[in-house]
Amino acid sequence: MTNLSQENVEKLLSTVVDKHTSQDIVSSESIKAINIEGGKLSIEVALKYPANSYHDELKQSIQAALSDSGASEIDITIDSKITSHATQNGANALPGIKNIIAVASGKGGVGKSTTSVNLALALHGEGAKVAILDADIYGPSQPRMLGVKDLRPEGTESGNMVPVPAHGIQSMSIGYLVDEASPMVWRGPMVTQALDQLIRKTEWNDIDYMIIDMPPGTGDTQLTISQKIPVSGAVIVTTPQDIALIDAKKGLAMFEKVNIPILGIIENMSMHICSSCGHAEAIFGHGGGKSMANDSGAEFLGALPLEINIRTDVDEGTPTVVKDPNGKTAEIYKDIARKLAALLSLQNESVGAFPNITIE
């Protein structure tokens, strides 16, 4: 048995590695307090990202590490303290929003919007205050996916809008302001101006993470968002097939050009699961997302199945993370959400939006 002391406790805690950051909880400054009273030891841990689903596992790891500490009683509390992180142009975060994460794809049809809403809800489930901005002016889908397509945002005395609440998160979309069947026949400048107003004229309330569901492609609208909105990190959604990976790489390259950190790559529709027999088949190929991550040096955040319930859940307005929060698919979304938030917590250095040009 070891003598109970601050030094020995810190040494033992330094052997506990956070699986989401790959850092030990001492060097990552996650230990908020160590209190020793007689033979009783109290540990307070403050993670820098939301991880409610990880608390029990981390507590067990800490308990095991301290088993030889000499304490007669060990009390461990874990919470999260989320702060703002650096943006692509060093600009301050927008009022009411600590961090903005862009979820993008090089092309449509890869399930980006479904992934975006489930990630937003997963972050909320892990303990964060979350908002989602539907940046697809031509094809807004978040109001229907969130089950609030018939609602309209309330106005404020200052002429701003109040975000529409849904399943515990705040949301805004052009879909709340126009009829669902009405086509948006707007040119590029009108679209970018509308998006700027949607985000800046909405009174967001104490948001830890805003998920921006980006429009597909790498055109003017996407570039404008990447340059004018203070984004802390981006996530690329792709399917395993080669044709999707080609466009996903273009999306990744766009963010790299404006120095937005890539938090990782998600492979959607990775494996089809038969709803009748449970047979798994790689309809769109397998491993493309992981291969792209390896080639680009980005983190592979996870693979999501091609499952009918994921589609029907958002069609009904109750995304999978809400409808079946303890199900296998929801656990995958939550795991991805914790990983991307943990990776964002490591992004501390400021970077400029444009390269320096020198003449020799």
Protein backbone atom coordinates (compact mmCIF):
# COMPACT_ATOMS: atom_id res chain seq x y z
CA MET A 1 0.00 0.00 0.00
CA THR A 2 1.25 3.45 -0.95
CA ASN A 3 1.20 6.46 1.34
CA LEU A 4 -1.67 8.74 0.40
CA SER A 5 -0.21 12.00 -0.95
CA GLN A 6 -0.90 14.58 -3.64
CA GLU A 7 2.26 13.60 -5.52
CA ASN A 8 1.45 9.89 -5.59
CA VAL A 9 -2.17 10.51 -6.57
CA GLU A 10 -1.09 12.68 -9.52
CA LYS A 11 1.41 10.03 -10.58
CA LEU A 12 -1.27 7.35 -10.54
CA LEU A 13 -3.77 9.56 -12.39
CA SER A 14 -1.19 10.24 -15.12
CA THR A 15 -1.57 6.57 -16.13
CA VAL A 16 -5.24 7.13 -17.04
CA VAL A 17 -5.56 7.93 -20.76
CA ASP A 18 -8.66 9.59 -22.21
CA LYS A 19 -9.56 7.33 -25.14
CA HIS A 20 -11.02 10.26 -27.11
CA THR A 21 -7.97 12.55 -26.92
CA SER A 22 -5.24 9.89 -26.43
CA GLN A 23 -3.85 12.11 -23.64
CA ASP A 24 -3.55 11.28 -19.97
CA ILE A 25 -5.94 13.22 -17.74
CA VAL A 26 -3.14 15.00 -15.85
CA SER A 27 -1.11 16.41 -18.76
CA SER A 28 -4.35 17.38 -20.54
CA GLU A 29 -5.25 19.48 -17.47
CA SER A 30 -8.50 17.58 -16.94
CA ILE A 31 -7.96 17.27 -13.19
CA LYS A 32 -9.86 20.11 -11.56
CA ALA A 33 -9.11 19.25 -7.94
CA ILE A 34 -7.53 16.61 -5.69
CA ASN A 35 -8.68 16.70 -2.09
CA ILE A 36 -7.26 14.49 0.68
CA GLU A 37 -8.92 14.41 4.09
CA GLY A 38 -7.63 11.72 6.38
CA GLY A 39 -7.93 8.54 4.36
CA LYS A 40 -10.62 9.93 2.04
CA LEU A 41 -9.66 10.96 -1.48
CA SER A 42 -11.86 13.16 -3.69
CA ILE A 43 -11.10 13.71 -7.37
CA GLU A 44 -12.83 16.29 -9.56
CA VAL A 45 -12.43 15.84 -13.32
CA ALA A 46 -13.47 18.51 -15.83
CA LEU A 47 -13.31 17.29 -19.43
CA LYS A 48 -13.06 19.90 -22.17
CA TYR A 49 -15.78 18.25 -24.26
CA PRO A 50 -19.22 16.70 -23.54
CA ALA A 51 -19.08 12.99 -22.74
CA ASN A 52 -21.93 11.88 -20.49
CA SER A 53 -21.85 8.37 -21.99
CA TYR A 54 -18.15 8.06 -21.16
CA HIS A 55 -18.29 9.11 -17.51
CA ASP A 56 -18.85 5.66 -16.02
CA GLU A 57 -16.07 4.08 -18.07
CA LEU A 58 -13.65 6.87 -17.15
CA LYS A 59 -14.60 6.61 -13.47
CA GLN A 60 -13.81 2.90 -13.52
CA SER A 61 -10.41 3.59 -15.10
CA ILE A 62 -9.62 6.22 -12.47
CA GLN A 63 -10.84 3.96 -9.67
CA ALA A 64 -8.60 1.16 -10.91
CA ALA A 65 -5.58 3.46 -11.19
CA LEU A 66 -6.10 4.69 -7.61
CA SER A 67 -6.61 1.24 -6.11
CA ASP A 68 -3.06 1.34 -4.74
CA SER A 69 -3.20 4.96 -3.59
CA GLY A 70 -3.67 4.14 0.07
CA ALA A 71 -7.08 5.81 0.25
CA SER A 72 -9.76 4.19 2.39
CA GLU A 73 -12.48 5.88 0.37
CA ILE A 74 -12.41 7.37 -3.16
CA ASP A 75 -14.99 9.79 -4.52
CA ILE A 76 -14.84 10.77 -8.21
CA THR A 77 -16.93 13.42 -9.94
CA ILE A 78 -16.77 14.13 -13.66
CA ASP A 79 -18.26 17.04 -15.59
CA SER A 80 -17.42 19.10 -18.66
CA LYS A 81 -16.32 22.67 -19.19
CA ILE A 82 -16.60 23.68 -22.84
CA THR A 83 -14.82 26.78 -24.08
CA SER A 84 -14.44 28.60 -27.40
CA HIS A 85 -11.68 27.47 -29.73
CA ALA A 86 -9.70 29.13 -32.48
CA THR A 87 -11.39 29.92 -35.80
CA GLN A 88 -10.03 29.97 -39.33
CA ASN A 89 -9.47 33.72 -39.33
CA GLY A 90 -8.84 34.35 -35.65
CA ALA A 91 -12.15 36.20 -35.33
CA ASN A 92 -14.13 36.09 -32.12
CA ALA A 93 -17.02 33.65 -31.88
CA LEU A 94 -20.46 35.00 -32.76
CA PRO A 95 -22.67 36.21 -29.88
CA GLY A 96 -24.18 33.28 -28.01
CA ILE A 97 -22.07 30.66 -29.85
CA LYS A 98 -18.81 29.19 -28.53
CA ASN A 99 -17.91 26.90 -31.42
CA ILE A 100 -19.13 26.34 -34.98
CA ILE A 101 -18.60 23.00 -36.73
CA ALA A 102 -19.31 22.71 -40.45
CA VAL A 103 -20.57 19.34 -41.70
CA ALA A 104 -19.97 19.08 -45.43
CA SER A 105 -19.79 16.77 -48.42
CA GLY A 106 -18.54 17.29 -51.93
CA LYS A 107 -21.84 16.11 -53.39
CA GLY A 108 -25.46 15.50 -52.46
CA GLY A 109 -27.07 12.19 -51.63
CA VAL A 110 -24.52 10.91 -49.11
CA GLY A 111 -26.71 11.50 -46.04
CA LYS A 112 -24.99 14.67 -44.84
CA SER A 113 -28.15 16.32 -43.46
CA THR A 114 -29.22 13.15 -41.65
CA THR A 115 -25.73 12.85 -40.20
CA SER A 116 -25.72 16.53 -39.20
CA VAL A 117 -28.97 16.40 -37.24
CA ASN A 118 -28.05 13.17 -35.48
CA LEU A 119 -24.63 14.54 -34.53
CA ALA A 120 -26.23 17.71 -33.16
CA LEU A 121 -28.64 15.65 -31.07
CA ALA A 122 -25.83 13.32 -29.98
CA LEU A 123 -23.77 16.27 -28.71
CA HIS A 124 -26.86 17.46 -26.83
CA GLY A 125 -27.30 13.99 -25.36
CA GLU A 126 -23.69 14.03 -24.20
CA GLY A 127 -24.38 17.19 -22.19
CA ALA A 128 -23.72 20.14 -24.53
CA LYS A 129 -25.94 23.07 -25.48
CA VAL A 130 -26.36 22.71 -29.22
CA ALA A 131 -27.79 24.50 -32.24
CA ILE A 132 -28.11 23.50 -35.88
CA LEU A 133 -28.12 25.88 -38.83
CA ASP A 134 -29.55 24.57 -42.09
CA ALA A 135 -27.35 26.29 -44.67
CA ASP A 136 -28.95 24.63 -47.68
CA ILE A 137 -31.12 27.45 -49.05
CA TYR A 138 -32.20 25.54 -52.16
CA GLY A 139 -33.14 22.34 -50.35
CA PRO A 140 -33.70 22.92 -46.62
CA SER A 141 -34.46 19.66 -44.84
CA GLN A 142 -33.80 20.24 -41.16
CA PRO A 143 -37.33 21.54 -40.25
CA ARG A 144 -38.85 18.26 -41.45
CA MET A 145 -36.11 16.12 -39.95
CA LEU A 146 -36.58 17.82 -36.59
CA GLY A 147 -40.36 17.43 -36.75
CA VAL A 148 -41.06 21.19 -36.60
CA LYS A 149 -41.65 22.06 -40.26
CA ASP A 150 -44.93 23.86 -39.46
CA LEU A 151 -43.38 26.20 -36.89
CA ARG A 152 -42.17 29.73 -37.55
CA PRO A 153 -39.45 31.60 -35.62
CA GLU A 154 -40.69 34.32 -33.28
CA GLY A 155 -39.46 37.87 -33.75
CA THR A 156 -37.78 40.03 -31.13
CA GLU A 157 -38.12 43.76 -30.38
CA SER A 158 -34.77 44.35 -32.09
CA GLY A 159 -36.01 42.76 -35.31
CA ASN A 160 -34.07 39.55 -34.84
CA MET A 161 -35.40 35.99 -34.73
CA VAL A 162 -35.62 33.46 -31.92
CA PRO A 163 -34.32 30.01 -32.92
CA VAL A 164 -36.90 27.25 -33.21
CA PRO A 165 -36.50 24.64 -30.44
CA ALA A 166 -36.65 20.94 -31.32
CA HIS A 167 -35.70 17.90 -29.23
CA GLY A 168 -33.69 20.09 -26.86
CA ILE A 169 -31.59 21.93 -29.47
CA GLN A 170 -31.97 25.31 -31.16
CA SER A 171 -32.45 25.47 -34.93
CA MET A 172 -32.74 27.90 -37.81
CA SER A 173 -33.48 27.30 -41.49
CA ILE A 174 -34.88 29.15 -44.49
CA GLY A 175 -37.41 26.30 -44.43
CA TYR A 176 -39.11 28.00 -41.47
CA LEU A 177 -39.67 31.15 -43.51
CA VAL A 178 -40.93 29.82 -46.85
CA ASP A 179 -43.39 27.16 -47.90
CA GLU A 180 -41.82 23.71 -48.15
CA ALA A 181 -42.94 23.29 -51.77
CA SER A 182 -41.75 26.73 -52.94
CA PRO A 183 -38.56 26.69 -55.03
CA MET A 184 -35.85 29.20 -54.06
CA VAL A 185 -35.04 30.84 -57.39
CA TRP A 186 -32.18 32.96 -56.07
CA ARG A 187 -28.77 33.82 -57.46
CA GLY A 188 -25.60 33.27 -55.45
CA PRO A 189 -25.31 36.72 -53.79
CA MET A 190 -28.89 36.48 -52.50
CA VAL A 191 -28.20 33.05 -51.05
CA THR A 192 -25.06 34.14 -49.22
CA GLN A 193 -26.80 37.24 -47.89
CA ALA A 194 -29.72 35.14 -46.65
CA LEU A 195 -27.38 32.74 -44.87
CA ASP A 196 -25.50 35.60 -43.24
CA GLN A 197 -28.79 36.96 -41.91
CA LEU A 198 -29.97 33.55 -40.71
CA ILE A 199 -26.93 33.14 -38.51
CA ARG A 200 -26.34 36.76 -37.45
CA LYS A 201 -29.95 37.85 -37.03
CA THR A 202 -30.87 34.88 -34.86
CA GLU A 203 -30.52 35.33 -31.10
CA TRP A 204 -28.73 32.12 -30.19
CA ASN A 205 -28.78 31.34 -26.50
CA ASP A 206 -25.57 30.13 -24.84
CA ILE A 207 -24.55 27.56 -27.47
CA ASP A 208 -21.52 25.29 -26.93
CA TYR A 209 -21.61 23.89 -30.46
CA MET A 210 -23.41 24.99 -33.58
CA ILE A 211 -23.59 22.40 -36.33
CA ILE A 212 -23.84 23.96 -39.80
CA ASP A 213 -25.46 21.57 -42.26
CA MET A 214 -23.58 22.82 -45.33
CA PRO A 215 -25.07 22.72 -48.84
CA PRO A 216 -23.49 20.06 -51.06
CA GLY A 217 -20.64 21.05 -53.33
CA THR A 218 -17.71 23.47 -53.22
CA GLY A 219 -19.09 26.57 -54.91
CA ASP A 220 -19.51 30.22 -54.03
CA THR A 221 -21.92 29.63 -51.16
CA GLN A 222 -19.67 27.11 -49.44
CA LEU A 223 -16.60 29.30 -49.88
CA THR A 224 -18.43 32.35 -48.52
CA ILE A 225 -19.51 30.44 -45.41
CA SER A 226 -15.97 29.16 -44.91
CA GLN A 227 -14.50 32.66 -45.11
CA LYS A 228 -17.11 34.86 -43.44
CA ILE A 229 -18.39 32.71 -40.58
CA PRO A 230 -15.94 31.89 -37.72
CA VAL A 231 -15.70 28.12 -38.06
CA SER A 232 -13.62 26.13 -35.57
CA GLY A 233 -13.58 22.84 -37.47
CA ALA A 234 -15.11 20.83 -40.29
CA VAL A 235 -16.37 17.27 -40.70
CA ILE A 236 -16.54 15.55 -44.10
CA VAL A 237 -19.31 13.03 -44.79
CA THR A 238 -18.86 10.53 -47.61
CA THR A 239 -19.99 7.10 -48.71
CA PRO A 240 -17.44 4.34 -49.47
CA GLN A 241 -17.90 4.39 -53.26
CA ASP A 242 -15.22 5.94 -55.44
CA ILE A 243 -17.48 8.53 -57.10
CA ALA A 244 -18.46 9.98 -53.70
CA LEU A 245 -14.88 9.93 -52.45
CA ILE A 246 -13.72 12.00 -55.42
CA ASP A 247 -16.10 14.81 -54.48
CA ALA A 248 -15.49 14.42 -50.74
CA LYS A 249 -11.80 15.05 -51.35
CA LYS A 250 -12.72 18.32 -53.09
CA GLY A 251 -14.70 19.37 -50.02
CA LEU A 252 -11.77 18.55 -47.78
CA ALA A 253 -9.41 20.50 -50.03
CA MET A 254 -11.70 23.54 -49.88
CA PHE A 255 -11.51 23.68 -46.08
CA GLU A 256 -7.75 23.17 -46.18
CA LYS A 257 -7.38 26.15 -48.52
CA VAL A 258 -9.11 28.46 -46.04
CA ASN A 259 -7.24 26.86 -43.11
CA ILE A 260 -10.26 25.37 -41.36
CA PRO A 261 -9.09 22.34 -39.35
CA ILE A 262 -10.57 19.03 -40.50
CA LEU A 263 -11.87 17.30 -37.38
CA GLY A 264 -12.42 14.08 -39.25
CA ILE A 265 -14.18 12.00 -41.87
CA ILE A 266 -17.40 10.01 -41.45
CA GLU A 267 -18.23 7.13 -43.74
CA ASN A 268 -22.01 6.96 -44.13
CA MET A 269 -23.94 4.03 -45.65
CA SER A 270 -20.90 1.90 -44.89
CA MET A 271 -22.75 -1.37 -44.60
CA HIS A 272 -26.34 -2.26 -45.51
CA ILE A 273 -28.17 -4.08 -42.73
CA CYS A 274 -31.16 -6.13 -43.90
CA SER A 275 -34.20 -5.28 -41.77
CA SER A 276 -35.56 -8.83 -42.19
CA CYS A 277 -32.59 -11.10 -41.54
CA GLY A 278 -29.87 -8.75 -40.29
CA HIS A 279 -27.48 -9.72 -43.11
CA ALA A 280 -24.74 -7.12 -43.67
CA GLU A 281 -23.59 -6.27 -47.18
CA ALA A 282 -21.23 -3.54 -48.41
CA ILE A 283 -23.45 -2.25 -51.23
CA PHE A 284 -21.38 0.90 -51.85
CA GLY A 285 -18.03 -0.71 -51.17
CA HIS A 286 -16.14 -0.74 -47.90
CA GLY A 287 -13.33 1.21 -46.28
CA GLY A 288 -13.29 4.17 -48.65
CA GLY A 289 -13.73 6.73 -45.89
CA LYS A 290 -10.98 5.21 -43.77
CA SER A 291 -8.66 5.08 -46.78
CA MET A 292 -9.38 8.75 -47.51
CA ALA A 293 -8.62 9.64 -43.89
CA ASN A 294 -5.32 7.78 -44.04
CA ASP A 295 -4.33 9.48 -47.31
CA SER A 296 -5.22 12.97 -46.07
CA GLY A 297 -3.93 12.60 -42.52
CA ALA A 298 -7.41 13.31 -41.14
CA GLU A 299 -9.05 11.38 -38.31
CA PHE A 300 -11.51 8.64 -39.23
CA LEU A 301 -14.43 9.35 -36.90
CA GLY A 302 -16.51 6.28 -37.65
CA ALA A 303 -18.72 4.35 -40.05
CA LEU A 304 -22.53 4.46 -40.09
CA PRO A 305 -24.71 1.68 -41.50
CA LEU A 306 -27.15 1.93 -44.40
CA GLU A 307 -30.20 1.15 -42.31
CA ILE A 308 -33.84 1.82 -43.14
CA ASN A 309 -34.65 3.13 -39.66
CA ILE A 310 -32.17 5.99 -40.03
CA ARG A 311 -34.15 7.21 -43.04
CA THR A 312 -37.64 6.63 -41.64
CA ASP A 313 -36.74 8.25 -38.32
CA VAL A 314 -35.82 11.60 -39.90
CA ASP A 315 -38.81 11.42 -42.25
CA GLU A 316 -41.00 11.15 -39.14
CA GLY A 317 -39.24 14.09 -37.46
CA THR A 318 -37.65 11.98 -34.71
CA PRO A 319 -34.01 11.31 -35.68
CA THR A 320 -32.52 8.00 -34.55
CA VAL A 321 -30.55 9.50 -31.64
CA VAL A 322 -33.86 10.73 -30.18
CA LYS A 323 -36.13 7.86 -31.19
CA ASP A 324 -33.85 5.04 -30.06
CA PRO A 325 -31.22 6.70 -27.83
CA ASN A 326 -29.92 3.41 -26.44
CA GLY A 327 -29.83 1.60 -29.78
CA LYS A 328 -26.69 0.48 -31.58
CA THR A 329 -26.90 3.17 -34.28
CA ALA A 330 -27.44 5.96 -31.75
CA GLU A 331 -24.35 4.73 -29.88
CA ILE A 332 -22.32 5.10 -33.09
CA TYR A 333 -23.52 8.69 -33.52
CA LYS A 334 -22.69 9.45 -29.88
CA ASP A 335 -19.23 7.93 -30.21
CA ILE A 336 -18.55 10.06 -33.31
CA ALA A 337 -19.90 13.16 -31.54
CA ARG A 338 -17.59 12.64 -28.55
CA LYS A 339 -14.61 12.06 -30.83
CA LEU A 340 -15.13 15.22 -32.89
CA ALA A 341 -15.75 17.35 -29.79
CA ALA A 342 -12.64 15.92 -28.14
CA LEU A 343 -10.56 16.63 -31.24
CA LEU A 344 -11.91 20.18 -31.33
CA SER A 345 -10.87 20.62 -27.69
CA LEU A 346 -7.28 20.05 -28.82
CA GLN A 347 -7.50 22.83 -31.44
CA ASN A 348 -6.02 25.81 -29.65
CA GLU A 349 -3.70 27.53 -32.11
CA SER A 350 -4.95 30.46 -34.17
CA VAL A 351 -4.46 30.23 -37.91
CA GLY A 352 -4.97 32.81 -40.62
CA ALA A 353 -7.64 32.53 -43.27
CA PHE A 354 -5.29 33.42 -46.15
CA PRO A 355 -1.70 32.48 -46.94
CA ASN A 356 1.08 35.06 -46.84
CA ILE A 357 2.30 36.05 -50.30
CA THR A 358 5.96 36.90 -50.69
CA ILE A 359 7.96 37.97 -53.74
CA GLU A 360 11.57 36.93 -54.03
